[in-house]
């Protein structure tokens, strides 16, 4: 095996790990929703509705 093939294999495995971690984090439930944006944890109880 030459050094170029070893480098390509290591880069490919690193990319697979990175993509797998992104998919895992997007599917893991956080605060009731899977998006992880944090909008589900906002307290809207002190906001008064606009009466138009």
C-alpha atoms as a PDB file:
ATOM      1  CA  UNK A   1       0.000   0.000   0.000  1.00  0.00           C
ATOM      2  CA  UNK A   2       1.333   3.381  -0.872  1.00  0.00           C
ATOM      3  CA  UNK A   3       0.998   6.495   1.287  1.00  0.00           C
ATOM      4  CA  UNK A   4      -1.567   8.146  -1.005  1.00  0.00           C
ATOM      5  CA  UNK A   5      -4.037   5.296  -0.577  1.00  0.00           C
ATOM      6  CA  UNK A   6      -3.629   5.392   3.200  1.00  0.00           C
ATOM      7  CA  UNK A   7      -4.292   9.152   3.245  1.00  0.00           C
ATOM      8  CA  UNK A   8      -7.420   8.749   1.064  1.00  0.00           C
ATOM      9  CA  UNK A   9      -8.758   5.980   3.312  1.00  0.00           C
ATOM     10  CA  UNK A  10      -8.173   8.083   6.442  1.00  0.00           C
ATOM     11  CA  UNK A  11      -9.915  11.095   4.875  1.00  0.00           C
ATOM     12  CA  UNK A  12     -12.850   8.934   3.801  1.00  0.00           C
ATOM     13  CA  UNK A  13     -13.214   7.432   7.284  1.00  0.00           C
ATOM     14  CA  UNK A  14     -13.031  10.904   8.824  1.00  0.00           C
ATOM     15  CA  UNK A  15     -15.769  12.145   6.494  1.00  0.00           C
ATOM     16  CA  UNK A  16     -17.964   9.146   7.339  1.00  0.00           C
ATOM     17  CA  UNK A  17     -17.512   9.819  11.052  1.00  0.00           C
ATOM     18  CA  UNK A  18     -18.367  13.516  10.598  1.00  0.00           C
ATOM     19  CA  UNK A  19     -21.529  12.825   8.565  1.00  0.00           C
ATOM     20  CA  UNK A  20     -22.596  10.100  10.982  1.00  0.00           C
ATOM     21  CA  UNK A  21     -22.197  12.465  13.925  1.00  0.00           C
ATOM     22  CA  UNK A  22     -24.255  15.148  12.159  1.00  0.00           C
ATOM     23  CA  UNK A  23     -27.060  12.684  11.458  1.00  0.00           C
ATOM     24  CA  UNK A  24     -26.986  11.356  15.020  1.00  0.00           C
ATOM     25  CA  UNK A  25     -27.153  14.865  16.522  1.00  0.00           C
ATOM     26  CA  UNK A  26     -30.044  15.866  14.260  1.00  0.00           C
ATOM     27  CA  UNK A  27     -32.070  12.792  15.238  1.00  0.00           C
ATOM     28  CA  UNK A  28     -31.371  12.997  18.977  1.00  0.00           C
ATOM     29  CA  UNK A  29     -34.329  14.609  20.765  1.00  0.00           C
ATOM     30  CA  UNK A  30     -33.576  17.856  22.588  1.00  0.00           C
ATOM     31  CA  UNK A  31     -36.205  19.670  24.652  1.00  0.00           C
ATOM     32  CA  UNK A  32     -39.123  17.964  22.922  1.00  0.00           C
ATOM     33  CA  UNK A  33     -38.149  18.481  19.309  1.00  0.00           C
ATOM     34  CA  UNK A  34     -35.390  17.115  17.095  1.00  0.00           C
ATOM     35  CA  UNK A  35     -34.380  20.358  15.408  1.00  0.00           C
ATOM     36  CA  UNK A  36     -32.160  21.517  18.275  1.00  0.00           C
ATOM     37  CA  UNK A  37     -32.729  25.186  17.450  1.00  0.00           C
ATOM     38  CA  UNK A  38     -33.935  26.063  20.950  1.00  0.00           C
ATOM     39  CA  UNK A  39     -37.217  27.672  19.932  1.00  0.00           C
ATOM     40  CA  UNK A  40     -39.202  25.030  21.823  1.00  0.00           C
ATOM     41  CA  UNK A  41     -37.736  26.169  25.137  1.00  0.00           C
ATOM     42  CA  UNK A  42     -38.853  29.810  24.824  1.00  0.00           C
ATOM     43  CA  UNK A  43     -41.254  31.065  27.494  1.00  0.00           C
ATOM     44  CA  UNK A  44     -44.125  32.879  25.769  1.00  0.00           C
ATOM     45  CA  UNK A  45     -46.241  33.263  28.932  1.00  0.00           C
ATOM     46  CA  UNK A  46     -45.277  36.946  29.458  1.00  0.00           C
ATOM     47  CA  UNK A  47     -46.014  38.024  25.882  1.00  0.00           C
ATOM     48  CA  UNK A  48     -49.416  39.629  25.430  1.00  0.00           C
ATOM     49  CA  UNK A  49     -51.299  38.981  22.164  1.00  0.00           C
ATOM     50  CA  UNK A  50     -51.746  41.924  19.825  1.00  0.00           C
ATOM     51  CA  UNK A  51     -55.408  43.045  19.698  1.00  0.00           C
ATOM     52  CA  UNK A  52     -55.964  44.402  16.171  1.00  0.00           C
END
